[in-house]
N, C-alpha and C. Protein backbone atom coordinates (compact mmCIF):
# COMPACT_ATOMS: atom_id res chain seq x y z
N MET A 1 0.85 -1.19 0.00
CA MET A 1 0.00 0.00 0.00
C MET A 1 0.89 1.24 0.00
N SER A 2 0.58 2.21 -0.89
CA SER A 2 1.42 3.40 -0.98
C SER A 2 1.13 4.34 0.19
N THR A 3 2.14 5.12 0.53
CA THR A 3 2.01 6.06 1.63
C THR A 3 1.19 7.27 1.19
N GLN A 4 0.26 7.69 2.04
CA GLN A 4 -0.59 8.85 1.74
C GLN A 4 0.28 10.11 1.61
N ARG A 5 0.04 10.88 0.56
CA ARG A 5 0.77 12.13 0.37
C ARG A 5 0.02 13.28 1.04
N LEU A 6 0.79 14.16 1.66
CA LEU A 6 0.26 15.37 2.30
C LEU A 6 1.10 16.53 1.78
N ILE A 7 0.44 17.62 1.37
CA ILE A 7 1.17 18.77 0.82
C ILE A 7 1.17 19.91 1.82
N LEU A 8 2.32 20.53 2.00
CA LEU A 8 2.44 21.72 2.83
C LEU A 8 2.54 22.93 1.90
N ALA A 9 1.65 23.89 2.09
CA ALA A 9 1.58 25.05 1.20
C ALA A 9 2.72 26.03 1.48
N THR A 10 3.92 25.64 1.09
CA THR A 10 5.08 26.51 1.25
C THR A 10 6.14 26.12 0.23
N ARG A 11 6.99 27.06 -0.10
CA ARG A 11 8.17 26.76 -0.92
C ARG A 11 9.43 26.86 -0.05
N ASN A 12 9.21 26.90 1.25
CA ASN A 12 10.31 27.00 2.22
C ASN A 12 10.68 25.59 2.69
N ALA A 13 11.85 25.14 2.28
CA ALA A 13 12.28 23.76 2.60
C ALA A 13 12.42 23.54 4.11
N HIS A 14 12.75 24.60 4.86
CA HIS A 14 12.90 24.47 6.31
C HIS A 14 11.56 24.13 6.98
N LYS A 15 10.48 24.72 6.48
CA LYS A 15 9.16 24.42 7.03
C LYS A 15 8.79 22.96 6.77
N VAL A 16 9.10 22.48 5.57
CA VAL A 16 8.80 21.09 5.22
C VAL A 16 9.56 20.15 6.14
N THR A 17 10.84 20.44 6.35
CA THR A 17 11.68 19.62 7.23
C THR A 17 11.13 19.62 8.65
N GLU A 18 10.71 20.79 9.13
CA GLU A 18 10.17 20.92 10.49
C GLU A 18 8.90 20.08 10.67
N LEU A 19 7.97 20.18 9.70
CA LEU A 19 6.72 19.42 9.82
C LEU A 19 6.98 17.92 9.66
N LYS A 20 7.91 17.56 8.79
CA LYS A 20 8.27 16.14 8.64
C LYS A 20 8.72 15.55 9.97
N ALA A 21 9.56 16.29 10.68
CA ALA A 21 10.08 15.82 11.97
C ALA A 21 8.95 15.69 12.99
N ILE A 22 8.03 16.63 13.00
CA ILE A 22 6.90 16.59 13.94
C ILE A 22 5.99 15.40 13.64
N LEU A 23 5.72 15.14 12.36
CA LEU A 23 4.89 14.00 11.98
C LEU A 23 5.58 12.68 12.33
N ALA A 24 6.90 12.64 12.11
CA ALA A 24 7.66 11.43 12.43
C ALA A 24 7.65 11.16 13.93
N ASP A 25 7.82 12.23 14.72
CA ASP A 25 7.79 12.10 16.19
C ASP A 25 6.45 11.57 16.66
N ALA A 26 5.39 11.90 15.91
CA ALA A 26 4.04 11.46 16.27
C ALA A 26 3.73 10.06 15.73
N GLY A 27 4.70 9.46 15.01
CA GLY A 27 4.51 8.13 14.47
C GLY A 27 3.65 8.08 13.22
N LEU A 28 3.50 9.23 12.55
CA LEU A 28 2.69 9.29 11.33
C LEU A 28 3.59 9.15 10.10
N GLU A 29 3.35 8.11 9.33
CA GLU A 29 4.14 7.88 8.13
C GLU A 29 3.40 8.44 6.92
N LEU A 30 3.78 9.64 6.53
CA LEU A 30 3.14 10.30 5.41
C LEU A 30 4.22 10.80 4.45
N ASP A 31 3.86 10.88 3.18
CA ASP A 31 4.76 11.42 2.16
C ASP A 31 4.52 12.92 2.09
N LEU A 32 5.25 13.69 2.92
CA LEU A 32 5.06 15.13 2.98
C LEU A 32 5.91 15.82 1.92
N VAL A 33 5.28 16.68 1.12
CA VAL A 33 6.01 17.46 0.11
C VAL A 33 5.57 18.92 0.21
N GLY A 34 6.42 19.81 -0.30
CA GLY A 34 6.07 21.22 -0.34
C GLY A 34 5.35 21.56 -1.63
N ALA A 35 4.91 22.81 -1.75
CA ALA A 35 4.17 23.25 -2.93
C ALA A 35 5.03 23.20 -4.20
N ASP A 36 6.35 23.16 -4.04
CA ASP A 36 7.24 23.06 -5.21
C ASP A 36 6.99 21.79 -6.02
N ALA A 37 6.41 20.77 -5.36
CA ALA A 37 6.11 19.52 -6.06
C ALA A 37 4.98 19.71 -7.08
N TYR A 38 4.27 20.84 -6.97
CA TYR A 38 3.15 21.14 -7.88
C TYR A 38 3.31 22.56 -8.43
N PRO A 39 4.34 22.78 -9.26
CA PRO A 39 4.63 24.14 -9.75
C PRO A 39 3.51 24.75 -10.58
N GLU A 40 2.63 23.89 -11.08
CA GLU A 40 1.53 24.42 -11.91
C GLU A 40 0.44 25.09 -11.07
N VAL A 41 0.47 24.85 -9.75
CA VAL A 41 -0.54 25.45 -8.87
C VAL A 41 -0.04 26.82 -8.41
N PRO A 42 -0.77 27.89 -8.74
CA PRO A 42 -0.29 29.24 -8.39
C PRO A 42 -0.40 29.50 -6.88
N ASP A 43 0.43 30.42 -6.39
CA ASP A 43 0.34 30.83 -5.00
C ASP A 43 -1.00 31.54 -4.78
N VAL A 44 -1.52 31.41 -3.57
CA VAL A 44 -2.82 31.99 -3.24
C VAL A 44 -2.64 33.37 -2.61
N LYS A 45 -3.48 34.32 -3.01
CA LYS A 45 -3.44 35.64 -2.39
C LYS A 45 -4.02 35.54 -0.97
N GLU A 46 -3.30 36.10 -0.02
CA GLU A 46 -3.74 36.06 1.39
C GLU A 46 -4.68 37.22 1.65
N THR A 47 -5.96 37.01 1.35
CA THR A 47 -6.95 38.09 1.46
C THR A 47 -7.75 38.03 2.76
N GLY A 48 -7.44 37.06 3.62
CA GLY A 48 -8.15 36.94 4.89
C GLY A 48 -7.77 38.07 5.84
N VAL A 49 -8.56 38.23 6.91
CA VAL A 49 -8.27 39.29 7.89
C VAL A 49 -7.75 38.70 9.20
N THR A 50 -7.56 37.37 9.23
CA THR A 50 -6.95 36.71 10.38
C THR A 50 -5.94 35.69 9.88
N PHE A 51 -5.04 35.27 10.77
CA PHE A 51 -4.08 34.23 10.40
C PHE A 51 -4.83 32.95 10.00
N ALA A 52 -5.89 32.61 10.75
CA ALA A 52 -6.65 31.38 10.47
C ALA A 52 -7.28 31.43 9.08
N GLU A 53 -7.87 32.57 8.72
CA GLU A 53 -8.50 32.69 7.39
C GLU A 53 -7.47 32.51 6.28
N ASN A 54 -6.31 33.13 6.44
CA ASN A 54 -5.27 33.01 5.41
C ASN A 54 -4.75 31.58 5.29
N ALA A 55 -4.55 30.92 6.44
CA ALA A 55 -4.08 29.53 6.41
C ALA A 55 -5.10 28.63 5.73
N LEU A 56 -6.38 28.83 6.04
CA LEU A 56 -7.44 28.02 5.42
C LEU A 56 -7.54 28.29 3.92
N LEU A 57 -7.42 29.55 3.51
CA LEU A 57 -7.46 29.88 2.08
C LEU A 57 -6.40 29.09 1.32
N LYS A 58 -5.18 29.08 1.85
CA LYS A 58 -4.07 28.41 1.18
C LYS A 58 -4.25 26.89 1.18
N ALA A 59 -4.68 26.34 2.32
CA ALA A 59 -4.85 24.89 2.41
C ALA A 59 -5.96 24.40 1.48
N HIS A 60 -7.09 25.10 1.47
CA HIS A 60 -8.21 24.69 0.60
C HIS A 60 -7.83 24.79 -0.88
N ALA A 61 -7.15 25.87 -1.25
CA ALA A 61 -6.77 26.05 -2.66
C ALA A 61 -5.87 24.90 -3.13
N LEU A 62 -4.92 24.52 -2.30
CA LEU A 62 -4.00 23.44 -2.68
C LEU A 62 -4.70 22.09 -2.70
N ALA A 63 -5.59 21.86 -1.73
CA ALA A 63 -6.33 20.59 -1.69
C ALA A 63 -7.23 20.45 -2.92
N GLN A 64 -7.88 21.55 -3.30
CA GLN A 64 -8.77 21.52 -4.47
C GLN A 64 -7.97 21.29 -5.76
N ALA A 65 -6.83 21.96 -5.86
CA ALA A 65 -6.02 21.89 -7.10
C ALA A 65 -5.34 20.54 -7.29
N THR A 66 -5.06 19.84 -6.20
CA THR A 66 -4.28 18.60 -6.29
C THR A 66 -5.07 17.34 -5.93
N SER A 67 -6.28 17.54 -5.37
CA SER A 67 -7.10 16.41 -4.88
C SER A 67 -6.37 15.62 -3.80
N LEU A 68 -5.54 16.31 -3.02
CA LEU A 68 -4.80 15.71 -1.92
C LEU A 68 -4.99 16.55 -0.66
N PRO A 69 -4.85 15.94 0.52
CA PRO A 69 -4.93 16.74 1.75
C PRO A 69 -3.77 17.74 1.80
N ALA A 70 -4.07 18.92 2.31
CA ALA A 70 -3.05 19.98 2.34
C ALA A 70 -3.03 20.70 3.68
N VAL A 71 -1.83 21.11 4.07
CA VAL A 71 -1.62 21.89 5.29
C VAL A 71 -1.04 23.24 4.89
N ALA A 72 -1.47 24.29 5.58
CA ALA A 72 -0.91 25.62 5.34
C ALA A 72 -0.82 26.35 6.67
N ASP A 73 0.06 27.34 6.73
CA ASP A 73 0.14 28.14 7.95
C ASP A 73 0.27 29.61 7.58
N ASP A 74 -0.10 30.46 8.53
CA ASP A 74 0.12 31.90 8.38
C ASP A 74 0.51 32.41 9.76
N SER A 75 1.46 33.32 9.78
CA SER A 75 1.94 33.77 11.08
C SER A 75 2.42 35.21 11.03
N GLY A 76 2.63 35.78 12.21
CA GLY A 76 3.13 37.14 12.29
C GLY A 76 3.36 37.55 13.73
N LEU A 77 3.77 38.80 13.89
CA LEU A 77 4.05 39.37 15.20
C LEU A 77 2.90 40.25 15.64
N CYS A 78 2.45 40.07 16.87
CA CYS A 78 1.35 40.88 17.42
C CYS A 78 1.87 41.64 18.64
N VAL A 79 1.84 42.95 18.56
CA VAL A 79 2.38 43.81 19.63
C VAL A 79 1.22 44.38 20.45
N ASP A 80 1.24 44.13 21.75
CA ASP A 80 0.12 44.54 22.62
C ASP A 80 -0.20 46.03 22.50
N VAL A 81 0.83 46.87 22.62
CA VAL A 81 0.60 48.32 22.65
C VAL A 81 0.13 48.86 21.30
N LEU A 82 0.30 48.07 20.25
CA LEU A 82 -0.19 48.46 18.91
C LEU A 82 -1.52 47.77 18.59
N GLY A 83 -2.18 47.23 19.62
CA GLY A 83 -3.48 46.59 19.41
C GLY A 83 -3.42 45.32 18.59
N GLY A 84 -2.26 44.64 18.64
CA GLY A 84 -2.12 43.39 17.89
C GLY A 84 -1.44 43.54 16.54
N ALA A 85 -1.15 44.77 16.13
CA ALA A 85 -0.40 44.99 14.89
C ALA A 85 1.09 44.66 15.14
N PRO A 86 1.84 44.38 14.07
CA PRO A 86 1.46 44.33 12.65
C PRO A 86 0.57 43.13 12.26
N GLY A 87 0.52 42.08 13.07
CA GLY A 87 -0.41 40.97 12.80
C GLY A 87 -0.27 40.39 11.41
N ILE A 88 -1.41 40.30 10.69
CA ILE A 88 -1.37 39.68 9.36
C ILE A 88 -0.56 40.50 8.35
N PHE A 89 -0.23 41.74 8.72
CA PHE A 89 0.57 42.60 7.83
C PHE A 89 2.06 42.55 8.17
N SER A 90 2.46 41.60 9.02
CA SER A 90 3.85 41.56 9.51
C SER A 90 4.89 41.55 8.39
N ALA A 91 4.65 40.76 7.35
CA ALA A 91 5.64 40.61 6.27
C ALA A 91 5.72 41.84 5.37
N ARG A 92 4.71 42.71 5.43
CA ARG A 92 4.71 43.89 4.56
C ARG A 92 4.43 45.17 5.36
N TRP A 93 4.85 45.19 6.62
CA TRP A 93 4.57 46.32 7.52
C TRP A 93 5.15 47.62 6.97
N ALA A 94 6.31 47.57 6.35
CA ALA A 94 6.94 48.79 5.82
C ALA A 94 6.53 49.07 4.38
N GLY A 95 5.63 48.26 3.84
CA GLY A 95 5.10 48.53 2.50
C GLY A 95 5.46 47.52 1.44
N ARG A 96 6.67 46.95 1.53
CA ARG A 96 7.08 45.98 0.51
C ARG A 96 7.18 44.60 1.14
N HIS A 97 6.53 43.61 0.57
CA HIS A 97 6.46 42.27 1.16
C HIS A 97 7.85 41.66 1.32
N GLY A 98 8.13 41.18 2.53
CA GLY A 98 9.35 40.42 2.76
C GLY A 98 10.61 41.23 3.00
N ASP A 99 10.49 42.58 3.15
CA ASP A 99 11.67 43.40 3.43
C ASP A 99 11.88 43.43 4.94
N ASP A 100 12.56 42.39 5.46
CA ASP A 100 12.72 42.22 6.90
C ASP A 100 13.37 43.43 7.57
N ALA A 101 14.42 43.95 6.94
CA ALA A 101 15.16 45.07 7.55
C ALA A 101 14.28 46.30 7.69
N ALA A 102 13.52 46.61 6.64
CA ALA A 102 12.64 47.79 6.67
C ALA A 102 11.51 47.60 7.68
N ASN A 103 10.95 46.40 7.72
CA ASN A 103 9.87 46.12 8.67
C ASN A 103 10.35 46.30 10.11
N LEU A 104 11.53 45.78 10.38
CA LEU A 104 12.12 45.85 11.72
C LEU A 104 12.40 47.29 12.11
N GLU A 105 12.98 48.03 11.17
CA GLU A 105 13.33 49.43 11.42
C GLU A 105 12.08 50.27 11.71
N LEU A 106 11.03 50.06 10.93
CA LEU A 106 9.79 50.82 11.12
C LEU A 106 9.16 50.48 12.48
N LEU A 107 9.09 49.21 12.81
CA LEU A 107 8.47 48.82 14.08
C LEU A 107 9.25 49.39 15.27
N LEU A 108 10.58 49.30 15.23
CA LEU A 108 11.39 49.84 16.32
C LEU A 108 11.20 51.35 16.45
N ALA A 109 11.05 52.05 15.33
CA ALA A 109 10.81 53.49 15.37
C ALA A 109 9.46 53.80 16.01
N GLN A 110 8.45 52.98 15.67
CA GLN A 110 7.12 53.20 16.23
C GLN A 110 7.08 52.96 17.74
N LEU A 111 7.98 52.11 18.22
CA LEU A 111 7.99 51.75 19.64
C LEU A 111 9.12 52.45 20.42
N ALA A 112 9.79 53.39 19.79
CA ALA A 112 10.98 54.00 20.38
C ALA A 112 10.74 54.58 21.77
N ASP A 113 9.57 55.17 22.00
CA ASP A 113 9.30 55.82 23.29
C ASP A 113 8.59 54.91 24.29
N ILE A 114 8.39 53.64 23.92
CA ILE A 114 7.69 52.70 24.80
C ILE A 114 8.71 51.99 25.69
N ASP A 115 8.52 52.09 27.02
CA ASP A 115 9.52 51.46 27.89
C ASP A 115 9.29 49.95 28.01
N ALA A 116 10.27 49.28 28.60
CA ALA A 116 10.31 47.82 28.64
C ALA A 116 9.04 47.19 29.23
N ALA A 117 8.44 47.85 30.20
CA ALA A 117 7.27 47.29 30.88
C ALA A 117 6.05 47.17 29.96
N HIS A 118 6.07 47.91 28.86
CA HIS A 118 4.92 47.92 27.95
C HIS A 118 5.25 47.39 26.56
N ARG A 119 6.31 46.57 26.46
CA ARG A 119 6.74 46.06 25.15
C ARG A 119 6.40 44.58 24.97
N ALA A 120 5.31 44.14 25.61
CA ALA A 120 4.88 42.74 25.45
C ALA A 120 4.39 42.49 24.03
N ALA A 121 4.71 41.31 23.52
CA ALA A 121 4.31 40.93 22.16
C ALA A 121 4.33 39.41 22.05
N HIS A 122 3.76 38.90 20.98
CA HIS A 122 3.86 37.45 20.75
C HIS A 122 3.85 37.17 19.25
N PHE A 123 4.54 36.11 18.90
CA PHE A 123 4.41 35.55 17.57
C PHE A 123 3.19 34.64 17.59
N GLU A 124 2.36 34.71 16.56
CA GLU A 124 1.21 33.80 16.46
C GLU A 124 1.23 33.09 15.13
N CYS A 125 0.85 31.82 15.14
CA CYS A 125 0.77 31.03 13.91
C CYS A 125 -0.53 30.25 13.91
N ALA A 126 -1.24 30.30 12.79
CA ALA A 126 -2.39 29.43 12.57
C ALA A 126 -1.98 28.37 11.56
N ALA A 127 -2.30 27.11 11.86
CA ALA A 127 -2.02 26.01 10.94
C ALA A 127 -3.34 25.36 10.57
N ALA A 128 -3.53 25.14 9.29
CA ALA A 128 -4.80 24.58 8.81
C ALA A 128 -4.58 23.31 8.01
N LEU A 129 -5.51 22.39 8.15
CA LEU A 129 -5.55 21.18 7.34
C LEU A 129 -6.84 21.20 6.54
N ALA A 130 -6.75 20.98 5.24
CA ALA A 130 -7.95 20.92 4.39
C ALA A 130 -7.90 19.67 3.53
N LEU A 131 -9.06 19.03 3.38
CA LEU A 131 -9.18 17.86 2.51
C LEU A 131 -9.90 18.27 1.22
N PRO A 132 -9.72 17.50 0.15
CA PRO A 132 -10.37 17.85 -1.11
C PRO A 132 -11.90 17.95 -1.01
N ASP A 133 -12.50 17.25 -0.02
CA ASP A 133 -13.96 17.30 0.10
C ASP A 133 -14.45 18.52 0.89
N GLY A 134 -13.51 19.40 1.30
CA GLY A 134 -13.89 20.61 2.01
C GLY A 134 -13.74 20.53 3.52
N THR A 135 -13.50 19.32 4.04
CA THR A 135 -13.26 19.18 5.48
C THR A 135 -12.08 20.03 5.90
N GLU A 136 -12.17 20.69 7.05
CA GLU A 136 -11.08 21.55 7.49
C GLU A 136 -10.90 21.50 9.00
N ARG A 137 -9.68 21.77 9.43
CA ARG A 137 -9.34 21.95 10.84
C ARG A 137 -8.32 23.08 10.89
N VAL A 138 -8.42 23.91 11.92
CA VAL A 138 -7.43 24.97 12.09
C VAL A 138 -7.10 25.12 13.57
N VAL A 139 -5.83 25.27 13.87
CA VAL A 139 -5.34 25.41 15.25
C VAL A 139 -4.33 26.55 15.28
N SER A 140 -3.92 26.97 16.47
CA SER A 140 -2.94 28.05 16.55
C SER A 140 -1.91 27.80 17.64
N GLY A 141 -0.80 28.49 17.53
CA GLY A 141 0.26 28.41 18.53
C GLY A 141 0.83 29.80 18.76
N ARG A 142 1.29 30.05 19.98
CA ARG A 142 1.85 31.37 20.31
C ARG A 142 3.19 31.25 21.00
N LEU A 143 4.04 32.23 20.76
CA LEU A 143 5.29 32.37 21.49
C LEU A 143 5.29 33.78 22.07
N ARG A 144 5.12 33.86 23.39
CA ARG A 144 5.04 35.17 24.05
C ARG A 144 6.42 35.67 24.45
N GLY A 145 6.54 36.99 24.51
CA GLY A 145 7.80 37.57 24.92
C GLY A 145 7.71 39.08 25.02
N THR A 146 8.86 39.74 25.01
CA THR A 146 8.93 41.20 25.02
C THR A 146 9.87 41.64 23.89
N LEU A 147 9.69 42.88 23.46
CA LEU A 147 10.48 43.39 22.34
C LEU A 147 11.67 44.20 22.84
N ARG A 148 12.83 43.86 22.34
CA ARG A 148 14.05 44.61 22.65
C ARG A 148 14.01 45.98 21.94
N HIS A 149 14.87 46.89 22.41
CA HIS A 149 14.98 48.20 21.76
C HIS A 149 15.89 48.17 20.54
N ALA A 150 16.71 47.12 20.44
CA ALA A 150 17.63 46.99 19.29
C ALA A 150 17.77 45.52 18.93
N PRO A 151 17.97 45.21 17.66
CA PRO A 151 18.11 43.81 17.24
C PRO A 151 19.33 43.14 17.86
N ALA A 152 19.22 41.84 18.11
CA ALA A 152 20.35 41.04 18.59
C ALA A 152 20.27 39.64 18.01
N GLY A 153 21.40 39.14 17.51
CA GLY A 153 21.43 37.79 16.96
C GLY A 153 21.37 37.76 15.45
N ALA A 154 21.98 36.75 14.88
CA ALA A 154 22.06 36.65 13.41
C ALA A 154 21.21 35.51 12.87
N GLY A 155 20.56 34.75 13.74
CA GLY A 155 19.76 33.61 13.28
C GLY A 155 18.33 34.02 12.97
N GLY A 156 17.56 33.05 12.51
CA GLY A 156 16.14 33.29 12.26
C GLY A 156 15.90 34.29 11.14
N PHE A 157 14.72 34.92 11.15
CA PHE A 157 14.37 35.89 10.11
C PHE A 157 13.25 36.76 10.65
N GLY A 158 12.82 37.73 9.84
CA GLY A 158 11.70 38.58 10.25
C GLY A 158 12.00 39.35 11.53
N TYR A 159 11.12 39.21 12.50
CA TYR A 159 11.24 39.96 13.75
C TYR A 159 11.99 39.18 14.83
N ASP A 160 12.57 38.04 14.48
CA ASP A 160 13.30 37.22 15.46
C ASP A 160 14.36 38.01 16.26
N PRO A 161 15.08 38.96 15.62
CA PRO A 161 16.14 39.65 16.37
C PRO A 161 15.65 40.57 17.49
N ILE A 162 14.34 40.86 17.56
CA ILE A 162 13.88 41.76 18.63
C ILE A 162 12.93 41.11 19.62
N LEU A 163 12.44 39.89 19.35
CA LEU A 163 11.55 39.25 20.33
C LEU A 163 12.36 38.36 21.28
N GLN A 164 12.26 38.69 22.56
CA GLN A 164 12.90 37.88 23.60
C GLN A 164 11.82 37.04 24.26
N PRO A 165 11.83 35.72 24.05
CA PRO A 165 10.78 34.87 24.61
C PRO A 165 10.74 34.92 26.14
N GLU A 166 9.56 34.72 26.70
CA GLU A 166 9.41 34.66 28.15
C GLU A 166 10.37 33.63 28.73
N GLY A 167 11.05 33.99 29.83
CA GLY A 167 11.96 33.06 30.48
C GLY A 167 13.33 32.97 29.84
N GLU A 168 13.55 33.76 28.79
CA GLU A 168 14.83 33.75 28.06
C GLU A 168 15.57 35.07 28.27
N THR A 169 16.89 35.02 28.15
CA THR A 169 17.69 36.24 28.16
C THR A 169 18.15 36.59 26.75
N ARG A 170 17.89 35.68 25.79
CA ARG A 170 18.28 35.88 24.40
C ARG A 170 17.06 36.13 23.53
N THR A 171 17.30 36.72 22.37
CA THR A 171 16.22 36.88 21.39
C THR A 171 16.07 35.58 20.60
N CYS A 172 14.99 35.50 19.84
CA CYS A 172 14.78 34.32 18.99
C CYS A 172 15.92 34.14 18.00
N ALA A 173 16.52 35.26 17.58
CA ALA A 173 17.61 35.20 16.60
C ALA A 173 18.92 34.73 17.23
N GLU A 174 18.97 34.67 18.56
CA GLU A 174 20.17 34.18 19.25
C GLU A 174 20.03 32.71 19.65
N LEU A 175 18.85 32.14 19.47
CA LEU A 175 18.64 30.72 19.79
C LEU A 175 19.13 29.84 18.64
N SER A 176 19.49 28.61 18.95
CA SER A 176 19.83 27.67 17.88
C SER A 176 18.52 27.27 17.19
N PRO A 177 18.58 26.78 15.96
CA PRO A 177 17.35 26.34 15.29
C PRO A 177 16.57 25.31 16.12
N GLN A 178 17.29 24.42 16.80
CA GLN A 178 16.64 23.38 17.61
C GLN A 178 15.92 24.01 18.81
N GLU A 179 16.59 24.97 19.46
CA GLU A 179 15.98 25.66 20.61
C GLU A 179 14.73 26.43 20.17
N LYS A 180 14.85 27.10 19.04
CA LYS A 180 13.72 27.90 18.55
C LYS A 180 12.54 27.00 18.15
N ASN A 181 12.82 25.91 17.43
CA ASN A 181 11.74 25.02 17.01
C ASN A 181 10.99 24.43 18.19
N ALA A 182 11.70 24.20 19.30
CA ALA A 182 11.07 23.59 20.48
C ALA A 182 10.03 24.50 21.11
N ILE A 183 10.19 25.82 20.95
CA ILE A 183 9.25 26.75 21.59
C ILE A 183 8.47 27.61 20.61
N SER A 184 8.78 27.49 19.32
CA SER A 184 8.21 28.42 18.34
C SER A 184 6.70 28.28 18.18
N HIS A 185 6.10 29.39 17.78
CA HIS A 185 4.67 29.44 17.51
C HIS A 185 4.29 28.46 16.41
N ARG A 186 5.13 28.36 15.36
CA ARG A 186 4.81 27.45 14.26
C ARG A 186 4.94 25.99 14.70
N GLY A 187 5.99 25.70 15.48
CA GLY A 187 6.15 24.34 16.01
C GLY A 187 4.95 23.94 16.87
N LYS A 188 4.50 24.88 17.71
CA LYS A 188 3.34 24.60 18.58
C LYS A 188 2.08 24.36 17.74
N ALA A 189 1.89 25.19 16.71
CA ALA A 189 0.70 25.04 15.86
C ALA A 189 0.74 23.72 15.09
N PHE A 190 1.90 23.40 14.50
CA PHE A 190 2.02 22.14 13.77
C PHE A 190 1.78 20.94 14.69
N ARG A 191 2.33 21.01 15.89
CA ARG A 191 2.12 19.88 16.83
C ARG A 191 0.66 19.78 17.24
N ALA A 192 -0.01 20.92 17.38
CA ALA A 192 -1.43 20.92 17.74
C ALA A 192 -2.30 20.37 16.61
N LEU A 193 -1.77 20.41 15.37
CA LEU A 193 -2.53 19.92 14.22
C LEU A 193 -2.41 18.40 14.05
N VAL A 194 -1.44 17.78 14.73
CA VAL A 194 -1.19 16.35 14.57
C VAL A 194 -2.44 15.49 14.80
N PRO A 195 -3.23 15.74 15.88
CA PRO A 195 -4.43 14.90 16.07
C PRO A 195 -5.40 14.95 14.89
N ALA A 196 -5.55 16.11 14.27
CA ALA A 196 -6.43 16.22 13.11
C ALA A 196 -5.87 15.45 11.92
N VAL A 197 -4.54 15.53 11.73
CA VAL A 197 -3.91 14.77 10.66
C VAL A 197 -4.11 13.27 10.89
N ARG A 198 -3.91 12.87 12.14
CA ARG A 198 -4.08 11.44 12.48
C ARG A 198 -5.52 10.98 12.21
N GLU A 199 -6.48 11.86 12.53
CA GLU A 199 -7.90 11.50 12.37
C GLU A 199 -8.36 11.50 10.91
N LEU A 200 -7.89 12.49 10.14
CA LEU A 200 -8.49 12.73 8.83
C LEU A 200 -7.67 12.24 7.63
N VAL A 201 -6.35 12.16 7.78
CA VAL A 201 -5.53 11.79 6.62
C VAL A 201 -5.28 10.29 6.64
N ARG A 202 -5.82 9.63 5.63
CA ARG A 202 -5.71 8.16 5.57
C ARG A 202 -4.95 7.75 4.31
């Protein structure tokens, strides 16, 4: 009997590796591939107003296009004093999608006068599973912390250099990949999705 294929809606090989490890740890033998395995399927516009909506949009689009179960995630940084912003706009906070340096610079400027006691923030990730028949599940994971006044660390990406997780003296960008994966919002969300994968993907 062939192994059931599951598609992760990403072209990021690190995400595929991370989810593969989580599924393996859970004893689930699935043929996990990224969206690169289906280059004919276009990327989906993230038009939702929440992380969950965007994750579901991507998962459903891939499941419909391939007739296979699909997983997708959406994540960002939510700053308490900014009412949860940048949130779903995290990757394009400074105007151009994926310009990490500009996004970081703008956010630090916006928070320049905010003292340490009021710099609480969290990374949030929604992970969704969709089947070709429309069945869906969505879960979320959070990594809480506080925002530094200046970036520290060369690892990670995005806002990792300024978020210091609760109970840590280092930023996410100063953690090893293994340390970060153990506590990350995406790792938590993917692990929370395992029961749904176990139940629905055959």
